[in-house]
């Protein structure tokens, strides 16, 4: 296995770990994100340009970071709103986002 292949495999695994963490408990998102990650890597399997490989690996690293630090799952709470409990990567605060049903409707 060449260096580029090892780096691609490492980036692939990092992306899957990020999606498993960010979408824990959401089977649909876990499955869909895993399929999308695999699709993107498969699309670029035959890239041989060192420069393009470096760019693709940097993009994968950026995507892992974004998924890990910028995406949180919201859960419906007993008050009818969506509650987000970010982890320490997300500043450790709790946000509540009103659901469509609880927002006032303008006529």
PDB file of N, CA and C in Angstrom:
ATOM      1  N   UNK A   1       0.850  -1.177   0.000  1.00  0.00           N
ATOM      2  CA  UNK A   1       0.000   0.000   0.000  1.00  0.00           C
ATOM      3  C   UNK A   1       0.894   1.237   0.000  1.00  0.00           C
ATOM      4  N   UNK A   2       0.646   2.136  -0.970  1.00  0.00           N
ATOM      5  CA  UNK A   2       1.446   3.344  -1.080  1.00  0.00           C
ATOM      6  C   UNK A   2       1.062   4.370  -0.031  1.00  0.00           C
ATOM      7  N   UNK A   3       1.908   5.403   0.068  1.00  0.00           N
ATOM      8  CA  UNK A   3       1.666   6.454   1.044  1.00  0.00           C
ATOM      9  C   UNK A   3       0.330   7.152   0.800  1.00  0.00           C
ATOM     10  N   UNK A   4       0.021   7.456  -0.465  1.00  0.00           N
ATOM     11  CA  UNK A   4      -1.240   8.120  -0.792  1.00  0.00           C
ATOM     12  C   UNK A   4      -2.443   7.269  -0.421  1.00  0.00           C
ATOM     13  N   UNK A   5      -2.315   5.950  -0.659  1.00  0.00           N
ATOM     14  CA  UNK A   5      -3.403   5.040  -0.322  1.00  0.00           C
ATOM     15  C   UNK A   5      -3.620   4.997   1.180  1.00  0.00           C
ATOM     16  N   UNK A   6      -2.536   4.945   1.937  1.00  0.00           N
ATOM     17  CA  UNK A   6      -2.639   4.923   3.403  1.00  0.00           C
ATOM     18  C   UNK A   6      -3.264   6.217   3.916  1.00  0.00           C
ATOM     19  N   UNK A   7      -2.882   7.343   3.330  1.00  0.00           N
ATOM     20  CA  UNK A   7      -3.449   8.630   3.741  1.00  0.00           C
ATOM     21  C   UNK A   7      -4.933   8.711   3.394  1.00  0.00           C
ATOM     22  N   UNK A   8      -5.301   8.197   2.218  1.00  0.00           N
ATOM     23  CA  UNK A   8      -6.706   8.207   1.810  1.00  0.00           C
ATOM     24  C   UNK A   8      -7.533   7.331   2.748  1.00  0.00           C
ATOM     25  N   UNK A   9      -7.007   6.174   3.103  1.00  0.00           N
ATOM     26  CA  UNK A   9      -7.716   5.277   4.017  1.00  0.00           C
ATOM     27  C   UNK A   9      -7.880   5.930   5.388  1.00  0.00           C
ATOM     28  N   UNK A  10      -6.838   6.606   5.844  1.00  0.00           N
ATOM     29  CA  UNK A  10      -6.896   7.310   7.125  1.00  0.00           C
ATOM     30  C   UNK A  10      -7.941   8.425   7.076  1.00  0.00           C
ATOM     31  N   UNK A  11      -7.982   9.182   5.985  1.00  0.00           N
ATOM     32  CA  UNK A  11      -8.952  10.264   5.833  1.00  0.00           C
ATOM     33  C   UNK A  11     -10.373   9.701   5.762  1.00  0.00           C
ATOM     34  N   UNK A  12     -10.530   8.575   5.068  1.00  0.00           N
ATOM     35  CA  UNK A  12     -11.830   7.909   4.955  1.00  0.00           C
ATOM     36  C   UNK A  12     -12.327   7.489   6.332  1.00  0.00           C
ATOM     37  N   UNK A  13     -11.464   6.857   7.103  1.00  0.00           N
ATOM     38  CA  UNK A  13     -11.849   6.424   8.452  1.00  0.00           C
ATOM     39  C   UNK A  13     -12.171   7.609   9.350  1.00  0.00           C
ATOM     40  N   UNK A  14     -11.400   8.691   9.239  1.00  0.00           N
ATOM     41  CA  UNK A  14     -11.646   9.883  10.058  1.00  0.00           C
ATOM     42  C   UNK A  14     -13.025  10.476   9.744  1.00  0.00           C
ATOM     43  N   UNK A  15     -13.384  10.505   8.462  1.00  0.00           N
ATOM     44  CA  UNK A  15     -14.700  11.015   8.077  1.00  0.00           C
ATOM     45  C   UNK A  15     -15.811  10.127   8.628  1.00  0.00           C
ATOM     46  N   UNK A  16     -15.639   8.819   8.549  1.00  0.00           N
ATOM     47  CA  UNK A  16     -16.661   7.916   9.085  1.00  0.00           C
ATOM     48  C   UNK A  16     -16.793   8.072  10.596  1.00  0.00           C
ATOM     49  N   UNK A  17     -15.656   8.232  11.299  1.00  0.00           N
ATOM     50  CA  UNK A  17     -15.710   8.460  12.754  1.00  0.00           C
ATOM     51  C   UNK A  17     -16.459   9.745  13.066  1.00  0.00           C
ATOM     52  N   UNK A  18     -16.187  10.793  12.303  1.00  0.00           N
ATOM     53  CA  UNK A  18     -16.854  12.085  12.522  1.00  0.00           C
ATOM     54  C   UNK A  18     -18.357  11.954  12.326  1.00  0.00           C
ATOM     55  N   UNK A  19     -18.780  11.229  11.286  1.00  0.00           N
ATOM     56  CA  UNK A  19     -20.215  11.081  11.050  1.00  0.00           C
ATOM     57  C   UNK A  19     -20.855  10.220  12.130  1.00  0.00           C
ATOM     58  N   UNK A  20     -20.150   9.182  12.578  1.00  0.00           N
ATOM     59  CA  UNK A  20     -20.719   8.329  13.642  1.00  0.00           C
ATOM     60  C   UNK A  20     -20.914   9.111  14.930  1.00  0.00           C
ATOM     61  N   UNK A  21     -19.992  10.020  15.212  1.00  0.00           N
ATOM     62  CA  UNK A  21     -20.092  10.831  16.429  1.00  0.00           C
ATOM     63  C   UNK A  21     -21.195  11.884  16.293  1.00  0.00           C
ATOM     64  N   UNK A  22     -21.204  12.590  15.181  1.00  0.00           N
ATOM     65  CA  UNK A  22     -22.162  13.685  15.003  1.00  0.00           C
ATOM     66  C   UNK A  22     -23.589  13.209  14.804  1.00  0.00           C
ATOM     67  N   UNK A  23     -23.756  12.027  14.203  1.00  0.00           N
ATOM     68  CA  UNK A  23     -25.097  11.538  13.894  1.00  0.00           C
ATOM     69  C   UNK A  23     -25.483  10.333  14.753  1.00  0.00           C
ATOM     70  N   UNK A  24     -24.856  10.196  15.919  1.00  0.00           N
ATOM     71  CA  UNK A  24     -25.162   9.069  16.806  1.00  0.00           C
ATOM     72  C   UNK A  24     -26.652   9.026  17.102  1.00  0.00           C
ATOM     73  N   UNK A  25     -27.241   7.857  16.948  1.00  0.00           N
ATOM     74  CA  UNK A  25     -28.659   7.693  17.238  1.00  0.00           C
ATOM     75  C   UNK A  25     -29.575   8.008  16.072  1.00  0.00           C
ATOM     76  N   UNK A  26     -29.037   8.519  14.979  1.00  0.00           N
ATOM     77  CA  UNK A  26     -29.833   8.868  13.805  1.00  0.00           C
ATOM     78  C   UNK A  26     -29.446   7.913  12.669  1.00  0.00           C
ATOM     79  N   UNK A  27     -30.125   6.775  12.611  1.00  0.00           N
ATOM     80  CA  UNK A  27     -29.765   5.721  11.664  1.00  0.00           C
ATOM     81  C   UNK A  27     -29.782   6.209  10.225  1.00  0.00           C
ATOM     82  N   UNK A  28     -30.788   6.983   9.865  1.00  0.00           N
ATOM     83  CA  UNK A  28     -30.883   7.474   8.494  1.00  0.00           C
ATOM     84  C   UNK A  28     -29.656   8.310   8.129  1.00  0.00           C
ATOM     85  N   UNK A  29     -29.310   9.274   8.972  1.00  0.00           N
ATOM     86  CA  UNK A  29     -28.155  10.127   8.685  1.00  0.00           C
ATOM     87  C   UNK A  29     -26.848   9.339   8.717  1.00  0.00           C
ATOM     88  N   UNK A  30     -26.733   8.379   9.626  1.00  0.00           N
ATOM     89  CA  UNK A  30     -25.532   7.545   9.678  1.00  0.00           C
ATOM     90  C   UNK A  30     -25.356   6.792   8.370  1.00  0.00           C
ATOM     91  N   UNK A  31     -26.427   6.155   7.909  1.00  0.00           N
ATOM     92  CA  UNK A  31     -26.343   5.380   6.672  1.00  0.00           C
ATOM     93  C   UNK A  31     -26.096   6.263   5.458  1.00  0.00           C
ATOM     94  N   UNK A  32     -26.853   7.359   5.367  1.00  0.00           N
ATOM     95  CA  UNK A  32     -26.717   8.252   4.218  1.00  0.00           C
ATOM     96  C   UNK A  32     -25.344   8.914   4.167  1.00  0.00           C
ATOM     97  N   UNK A  33     -24.832   9.334   5.314  1.00  0.00           N
ATOM     98  CA  UNK A  33     -23.522   9.986   5.321  1.00  0.00           C
ATOM     99  C   UNK A  33     -22.424   8.989   4.973  1.00  0.00           C
ATOM    100  N   UNK A  34     -22.535   7.746   5.457  1.00  0.00           N
ATOM    101  CA  UNK A  34     -21.536   6.722   5.130  1.00  0.00           C
ATOM    102  C   UNK A  34     -21.549   6.434   3.626  1.00  0.00           C
ATOM    103  N   UNK A  35     -22.750   6.370   3.042  1.00  0.00           N
ATOM    104  CA  UNK A  35     -22.845   6.142   1.593  1.00  0.00           C
ATOM    105  C   UNK A  35     -22.229   7.298   0.808  1.00  0.00           C
ATOM    106  N   UNK A  36     -22.490   8.525   1.263  1.00  0.00           N
ATOM    107  CA  UNK A  36     -21.954   9.701   0.575  1.00  0.00           C
ATOM    108  C   UNK A  36     -20.429   9.753   0.668  1.00  0.00           C
ATOM    109  N   UNK A  37     -19.886   9.454   1.850  1.00  0.00           N
ATOM    110  CA  UNK A  37     -18.430   9.445   2.023  1.00  0.00           C
ATOM    111  C   UNK A  37     -17.812   8.415   1.086  1.00  0.00           C
ATOM    112  N   UNK A  38     -18.362   7.213   1.080  1.00  0.00           N
ATOM    113  CA  UNK A  38     -17.826   6.158   0.214  1.00  0.00           C
ATOM    114  C   UNK A  38     -17.913   6.561  -1.251  1.00  0.00           C
ATOM    115  N   UNK A  39     -19.054   7.131  -1.648  1.00  0.00           N
ATOM    116  CA  UNK A  39     -19.235   7.557  -3.039  1.00  0.00           C
ATOM    117  C   UNK A  39     -18.157   8.554  -3.456  1.00  0.00           C
ATOM    118  N   UNK A  40     -17.904   9.537  -2.598  1.00  0.00           N
ATOM    119  CA  UNK A  40     -16.898  10.558  -2.927  1.00  0.00           C
ATOM    120  C   UNK A  40     -15.504   9.950  -3.066  1.00  0.00           C
ATOM    121  N   UNK A  41     -15.174   9.021  -2.182  1.00  0.00           N
ATOM    122  CA  UNK A  41     -13.860   8.388  -2.277  1.00  0.00           C
ATOM    123  C   UNK A  41     -13.773   7.496  -3.512  1.00  0.00           C
ATOM    124  N   UNK A  42     -14.852   6.781  -3.819  1.00  0.00           N
ATOM    125  CA  UNK A  42     -14.874   5.928  -5.016  1.00  0.00           C
ATOM    126  C   UNK A  42     -14.723   6.758  -6.288  1.00  0.00           C
ATOM    127  N   UNK A  43     -15.373   7.919  -6.331  1.00  0.00           N
ATOM    128  CA  UNK A  43     -15.286   8.789  -7.503  1.00  0.00           C
ATOM    129  C   UNK A  43     -13.851   9.213  -7.788  1.00  0.00           C
ATOM    130  N   UNK A  44     -13.035   9.274  -6.754  1.00  0.00           N
ATOM    131  CA  UNK A  44     -11.663   9.763  -6.909  1.00  0.00           C
ATOM    132  C   UNK A  44     -10.616   8.662  -6.764  1.00  0.00           C
ATOM    133  N   UNK A  45     -11.055   7.412  -6.813  1.00  0.00           N
ATOM    134  CA  UNK A  45     -10.153   6.272  -6.641  1.00  0.00           C
ATOM    135  C   UNK A  45      -8.988   6.275  -7.628  1.00  0.00           C
ATOM    136  N   UNK A  46      -9.234   6.705  -8.853  1.00  0.00           N
ATOM    137  CA  UNK A  46      -8.209   6.617  -9.896  1.00  0.00           C
ATOM    138  C   UNK A  46      -7.419   7.899 -10.109  1.00  0.00           C
ATOM    139  N   UNK A  47      -7.561   8.858  -9.216  1.00  0.00           N
ATOM    140  CA  UNK A  47      -6.785  10.092  -9.323  1.00  0.00           C
ATOM    141  C   UNK A  47      -5.316   9.762  -9.069  1.00  0.00           C
ATOM    142  N   UNK A  48      -4.443  10.207  -9.954  1.00  0.00           N
ATOM    143  CA  UNK A  48      -3.013   9.908  -9.808  1.00  0.00           C
ATOM    144  C   UNK A  48      -2.159  11.155  -9.605  1.00  0.00           C
ATOM    145  N   UNK A  49      -2.715  12.313  -9.914  1.00  0.00           N
ATOM    146  CA  UNK A  49      -1.973  13.559  -9.757  1.00  0.00           C
ATOM    147  C   UNK A  49      -1.697  13.818  -8.274  1.00  0.00           C
ATOM    148  N   UNK A  50      -0.419  13.936  -7.946  1.00  0.00           N
ATOM    149  CA  UNK A  50      -0.021  14.186  -6.555  1.00  0.00           C
ATOM    150  C   UNK A  50      -0.688  15.442  -6.004  1.00  0.00           C
ATOM    151  N   UNK A  51      -0.747  16.470  -6.839  1.00  0.00           N
ATOM    152  CA  UNK A  51      -1.353  17.732  -6.426  1.00  0.00           C
ATOM    153  C   UNK A  51      -2.855  17.561  -6.147  1.00  0.00           C
ATOM    154  N   UNK A  52      -3.548  16.847  -7.023  1.00  0.00           N
ATOM    155  CA  UNK A  52      -4.978  16.626  -6.855  1.00  0.00           C
ATOM    156  C   UNK A  52      -5.243  15.742  -5.631  1.00  0.00           C
ATOM    157  N   UNK A  53      -4.401  14.742  -5.396  1.00  0.00           N
ATOM    158  CA  UNK A  53      -4.549  13.871  -4.226  1.00  0.00           C
ATOM    159  C   UNK A  53      -4.407  14.690  -2.948  1.00  0.00           C
ATOM    160  N   UNK A  54      -3.407  15.570  -2.915  1.00  0.00           N
ATOM    161  CA  UNK A  54      -3.218  16.429  -1.738  1.00  0.00           C
ATOM    162  C   UNK A  54      -4.445  17.298  -1.493  1.00  0.00           C
ATOM    163  N   UNK A  55      -5.008  17.848  -2.572  1.00  0.00           N
ATOM    164  CA  UNK A  55      -6.197  18.694  -2.442  1.00  0.00           C
ATOM    165  C   UNK A  55      -7.372  17.871  -1.919  1.00  0.00           C
ATOM    166  N   UNK A  56      -7.588  16.691  -2.462  1.00  0.00           N
ATOM    167  CA  UNK A  56      -8.690  15.834  -2.030  1.00  0.00           C
ATOM    168  C   UNK A  56      -8.533  15.424  -0.566  1.00  0.00           C
ATOM    169  N   UNK A  57      -7.301  15.118  -0.152  1.00  0.00           N
ATOM    170  CA  UNK A  57      -7.059  14.749   1.249  1.00  0.00           C
ATOM    171  C   UNK A  57      -7.301  15.942   2.173  1.00  0.00           C
ATOM    172  N   UNK A  58      -6.902  17.139   1.729  1.00  0.00           N
ATOM    173  CA  UNK A  58      -7.149  18.347   2.527  1.00  0.00           C
ATOM    174  C   UNK A  58      -8.656  18.599   2.635  1.00  0.00           C
ATOM    175  N   UNK A  59      -9.381  18.374   1.535  1.00  0.00           N
ATOM    176  CA  UNK A  59     -10.839  18.535   1.556  1.00  0.00           C
ATOM    177  C   UNK A  59     -11.476  17.550   2.532  1.00  0.00           C
ATOM    178  N   UNK A  60     -10.991  16.308   2.538  1.00  0.00           N
ATOM    179  CA  UNK A  60     -11.532  15.290   3.444  1.00  0.00           C
ATOM    180  C   UNK A  60     -11.258  15.666   4.894  1.00  0.00           C
ATOM    181  N   UNK A  61     -10.074  16.184   5.165  1.00  0.00           N
ATOM    182  CA  UNK A  61      -9.709  16.611   6.518  1.00  0.00           C
ATOM    183  C   UNK A  61     -10.601  17.771   6.960  1.00  0.00           C
ATOM    184  N   UNK A  62     -10.832  18.706   6.053  1.00  0.00           N
ATOM    185  CA  UNK A  62     -11.704  19.851   6.349  1.00  0.00           C
ATOM    186  C   UNK A  62     -13.143  19.390   6.604  1.00  0.00           C
ATOM    187  N   UNK A  63     -13.597  18.421   5.823  1.00  0.00           N
ATOM    188  CA  UNK A  63     -14.952  17.892   6.004  1.00  0.00           C
ATOM    189  C   UNK A  63     -15.085  17.209   7.361  1.00  0.00           C
ATOM    190  N   UNK A  64     -14.075  16.432   7.761  1.00  0.00           N
ATOM    191  CA  UNK A  64     -14.097  15.774   9.077  1.00  0.00           C
ATOM    192  C   UNK A  64     -14.190  16.802  10.188  1.00  0.00           C
ATOM    193  N   UNK A  65     -13.388  17.855  10.073  1.00  0.00           N
ATOM    194  CA  UNK A  65     -13.385  18.910  11.070  1.00  0.00           C
ATOM    195  C   UNK A  65     -14.743  19.607  11.120  1.00  0.00           C
ATOM    196  N   UNK A  66     -15.303  19.906   9.951  1.00  0.00           N
ATOM    197  CA  UNK A  66     -16.596  20.574   9.889  1.00  0.00           C
ATOM    198  C   UNK A  66     -17.683  19.708  10.528  1.00  0.00           C
ATOM    199  N   UNK A  67     -17.732  18.431  10.165  1.00  0.00           N
ATOM    200  CA  UNK A  67     -18.749  17.524  10.702  1.00  0.00           C
ATOM    201  C   UNK A  67     -18.603  17.399  12.215  1.00  0.00           C
ATOM    202  N   UNK A  68     -17.364  17.306  12.684  1.00  0.00           N
ATOM    203  CA  UNK A  68     -17.125  17.131  14.119  1.00  0.00           C
ATOM    204  C   UNK A  68     -17.442  18.373  14.933  1.00  0.00           C
ATOM    205  N   UNK A  69     -17.181  19.553  14.367  1.00  0.00           N
ATOM    206  CA  UNK A  69     -17.265  20.776  15.149  1.00  0.00           C
ATOM    207  C   UNK A  69     -18.410  21.717  14.813  1.00  0.00           C
ATOM    208  N   UNK A  70     -19.047  21.510  13.678  1.00  0.00           N
ATOM    209  CA  UNK A  70     -20.079  22.456  13.259  1.00  0.00           C
ATOM    210  C   UNK A  70     -21.470  21.848  13.158  1.00  0.00           C
ATOM    211  N   UNK A  71     -21.576  20.542  13.249  1.00  0.00           N
ATOM    212  CA  UNK A  71     -22.876  19.898  13.115  1.00  0.00           C
ATOM    213  C   UNK A  71     -23.285  19.293  14.450  1.00  0.00           C
ATOM    214  N   UNK A  72     -24.500  19.589  14.865  1.00  0.00           N
ATOM    215  CA  UNK A  72     -25.061  18.984  16.069  1.00  0.00           C
ATOM    216  C   UNK A  72     -26.458  18.473  15.743  1.00  0.00           C
ATOM    217  N   UNK A  73     -26.880  17.443  16.449  1.00  0.00           N
ATOM    218  CA  UNK A  73     -28.209  16.879  16.270  1.00  0.00           C
ATOM    219  C   UNK A  73     -29.175  17.553  17.240  1.00  0.00           C
ATOM    220  N   UNK A  74     -30.318  17.956  16.752  1.00  0.00           N
ATOM    221  CA  UNK A  74     -31.355  18.538  17.609  1.00  0.00           C
ATOM    222  C   UNK A  74     -32.386  17.453  17.922  1.00  0.00           C
ATOM    223  N   UNK A  75     -32.874  17.475  19.151  1.00  0.00           N
ATOM    224  CA  UNK A  75     -33.895  16.510  19.561  1.00  0.00           C
ATOM    225  C   UNK A  75     -35.128  17.265  20.014  1.00  0.00           C
ATOM    226  N   UNK A  76     -36.303  16.738  19.669  1.00  0.00           N
ATOM    227  CA  UNK A  76     -37.568  17.337  20.072  1.00  0.00           C
ATOM    228  C   UNK A  76     -37.727  17.175  21.581  1.00  0.00           C
ATOM    229  N   UNK A  77     -38.015  18.274  22.272  1.00  0.00           N
ATOM    230  CA  UNK A  77     -38.187  18.182  23.728  1.00  0.00           C
ATOM    231  C   UNK A  77     -39.671  18.201  24.093  1.00  0.00           C
ATOM    232  N   UNK A  78     -39.963  18.065  25.381  1.00  0.00           N
ATOM    233  CA  UNK A  78     -41.348  17.971  25.854  1.00  0.00           C
ATOM    234  C   UNK A  78     -42.121  19.274  25.677  1.00  0.00           C
ATOM    235  N   UNK A  79     -41.430  20.382  25.432  1.00  0.00           N
ATOM    236  CA  UNK A  79     -42.103  21.668  25.243  1.00  0.00           C
ATOM    237  C   UNK A  79     -42.434  21.930  23.768  1.00  0.00           C
ATOM    238  N   UNK A  80     -42.092  20.990  22.907  1.00  0.00           N
ATOM    239  CA  UNK A  80     -42.397  21.136  21.485  1.00  0.00           C
ATOM    240  C   UNK A  80     -41.327  21.847  20.687  1.00  0.00           C
ATOM    241  N   UNK A  81     -40.195  22.126  21.313  1.00  0.00           N
ATOM    242  CA  UNK A  81     -39.084  22.752  20.602  1.00  0.00           C
ATOM    243  C   UNK A  81     -37.981  21.743  20.364  1.00  0.00           C
ATOM    244  N   UNK A  82     -37.002  22.134  19.619  1.00  0.00           N
ATOM    245  CA  UNK A  82     -35.847  21.283  19.385  1.00  0.00           C
ATOM    246  C   UNK A  82     -34.703  21.767  20.251  1.00  0.00           C
ATOM    247  N   UNK A  83     -34.107  20.846  20.973  1.00  0.00           N
ATOM    248  CA  UNK A  83     -33.027  21.174  21.890  1.00  0.00           C
ATOM    249  C   UNK A  83     -31.719  20.628  21.345  1.00  0.00           C
ATOM    250  N   UNK A  84     -30.711  21.458  21.394  1.00  0.00           N
ATOM    251  CA  UNK A  84     -29.386  21.075  20.929  1.00  0.00           C
ATOM    252  C   UNK A  84     -28.451  21.123  22.118  1.00  0.00           C
ATOM    253  N   UNK A  85     -27.757  20.033  22.375  1.00  0.00           N
ATOM    254  CA  UNK A  85     -26.789  19.996  23.461  1.00  0.00           C
ATOM    255  C   UNK A  85     -25.398  19.798  22.872  1.00  0.00           C
ATOM    256  N   UNK A  86     -24.763  20.892  22.514  1.00  0.00           N
ATOM    257  CA  UNK A  86     -23.433  20.783  21.934  1.00  0.00           C
ATOM    258  C   UNK A  86     -22.433  20.218  22.945  1.00  0.00           C
ATOM    259  N   UNK A  87     -21.452  19.500  22.430  1.00  0.00           N
ATOM    260  CA  UNK A  87     -20.404  18.972  23.297  1.00  0.00           C
ATOM    261  C   UNK A  87     -19.318  20.037  23.455  1.00  0.00           C
ATOM    262  N   UNK A  88     -18.233  19.688  24.137  1.00  0.00           N
ATOM    263  CA  UNK A  88     -17.177  20.676  24.384  1.00  0.00           C
ATOM    264  C   UNK A  88     -16.607  21.248  23.093  1.00  0.00           C
ATOM    265  N   UNK A  89     -16.673  20.467  22.011  1.00  0.00           N
ATOM    266  CA  UNK A  89     -16.194  20.983  20.716  1.00  0.00           C
ATOM    267  C   UNK A  89     -17.082  22.113  20.215  1.00  0.00           C
ATOM    268  N   UNK A  90     -18.304  22.176  20.720  1.00  0.00           N
ATOM    269  CA  UNK A  90     -19.264  23.180  20.278  1.00  0.00           C
ATOM    270  C   UNK A  90     -19.494  24.260  21.330  1.00  0.00           C
ATOM    271  N   UNK A  91     -18.586  24.462  22.214  1.00  0.00           N
ATOM    272  CA  UNK A  91     -18.615  25.503  23.246  1.00  0.00           C
ATOM    273  C   UNK A  91     -19.408  25.112  24.481  1.00  0.00           C
ATOM    274  N   UNK A  92     -20.018  23.924  24.519  1.00  0.00           N
ATOM    275  CA  UNK A  92     -20.664  23.402  25.716  1.00  0.00           C
ATOM    276  C   UNK A  92     -21.940  24.081  26.164  1.00  0.00           C
ATOM    277  N   UNK A  93     -22.630  24.783  25.282  1.00  0.00           N
ATOM    278  CA  UNK A  93     -23.881  25.438  25.670  1.00  0.00           C
ATOM    279  C   UNK A  93     -25.076  24.646  25.160  1.00  0.00           C
ATOM    280  N   UNK A  94     -26.238  24.901  25.713  1.00  0.00           N
ATOM    281  CA  UNK A  94     -27.472  24.272  25.251  1.00  0.00           C
ATOM    282  C   UNK A  94     -28.321  25.331  24.576  1.00  0.00           C
ATOM    283  N   UNK A  95     -28.750  25.028  23.380  1.00  0.00           N
ATOM    284  CA  UNK A  95     -29.581  25.941  22.616  1.00  0.00           C
ATOM    285  C   UNK A  95     -30.945  25.308  22.424  1.00  0.00           C
ATOM    286  N   UNK A  96     -31.981  26.103  22.404  1.00  0.00           N
ATOM    287  CA  UNK A  96     -33.300  25.576  22.079  1.00  0.00           C
ATOM    288  C   UNK A  96     -33.801  26.309  20.859  1.00  0.00           C
ATOM    289  N   UNK A  97     -34.212  25.537  19.878  1.00  0.00           N
ATOM    290  CA  UNK A  97     -34.709  26.088  18.631  1.00  0.00           C
ATOM    291  C   UNK A  97     -36.184  25.748  18.548  1.00  0.00           C
ATOM    292  N   UNK A  98     -37.065  26.721  18.380  1.00  0.00           N
ATOM    293  CA  UNK A  98     -38.500  26.402  18.316  1.00  0.00           C
ATOM    294  C   UNK A  98     -38.811  25.572  17.077  1.00  0.00           C
ATOM    295  N   UNK A  99     -39.745  24.650  17.228  1.00  0.00           N
ATOM    296  CA  UNK A  99     -40.175  23.858  16.080  1.00  0.00           C
ATOM    297  C   UNK A  99     -41.178  24.664  15.278  1.00  0.00           C
ATOM    298  N   UNK A 100     -41.474  24.211  14.093  1.00  0.00           N
ATOM    299  CA  UNK A 100     -42.429  24.899  13.236  1.00  0.00           C
ATOM    300  C   UNK A 100     -43.789  25.031  13.915  1.00  0.00           C
ATOM    301  N   UNK A 101     -44.170  23.990  14.692  1.00  0.00           N
ATOM    302  CA  UNK A 101     -45.471  24.007  15.357  1.00  0.00           C
ATOM    303  C   UNK A 101     -45.559  25.071  16.442  1.00  0.00           C
ATOM    304  N   UNK A 102     -44.439  25.450  17.055  1.00  0.00           N
ATOM    305  CA  UNK A 102     -44.491  26.407  18.151  1.00  0.00           C
ATOM    306  C   UNK A 102     -44.219  27.841  17.713  1.00  0.00           C
ATOM    307  N   UNK A 103     -43.836  28.022  16.469  1.00  0.00           N
ATOM    308  CA  UNK A 103     -43.585  29.384  15.982  1.00  0.00           C
ATOM    309  C   UNK A 103     -44.907  30.072  15.682  1.00  0.00           C
ATOM    310  N   UNK A 104     -45.018  31.356  16.038  1.00  0.00           N
ATOM    311  CA  UNK A 104     -46.266  32.075  15.713  1.00  0.00           C
ATOM    312  C   UNK A 104     -46.425  32.175  14.203  1.00  0.00           C
ATOM    313  N   UNK A 105     -47.616  32.012  13.742  1.00  0.00           N
ATOM    314  CA  UNK A 105     -47.887  32.086  12.307  1.00  0.00           C
ATOM    315  C   UNK A 105     -48.432  33.462  11.946  1.00  0.00           C
ATOM    316  N   UNK A 106     -47.907  34.032  10.888  1.00  0.00           N
ATOM    317  CA  UNK A 106     -48.441  35.327  10.435  1.00  0.00           C
ATOM    318  C   UNK A 106     -49.498  35.059   9.371  1.00  0.00           C
ATOM    319  N   UNK A 107     -50.534  35.824   9.411  1.00  0.00           N
ATOM    320  CA  UNK A 107     -51.652  35.625   8.482  1.00  0.00           C
ATOM    321  C   UNK A 107     -51.604  36.646   7.386  1.00  0.00           C
TER     322      UNK A 107
END
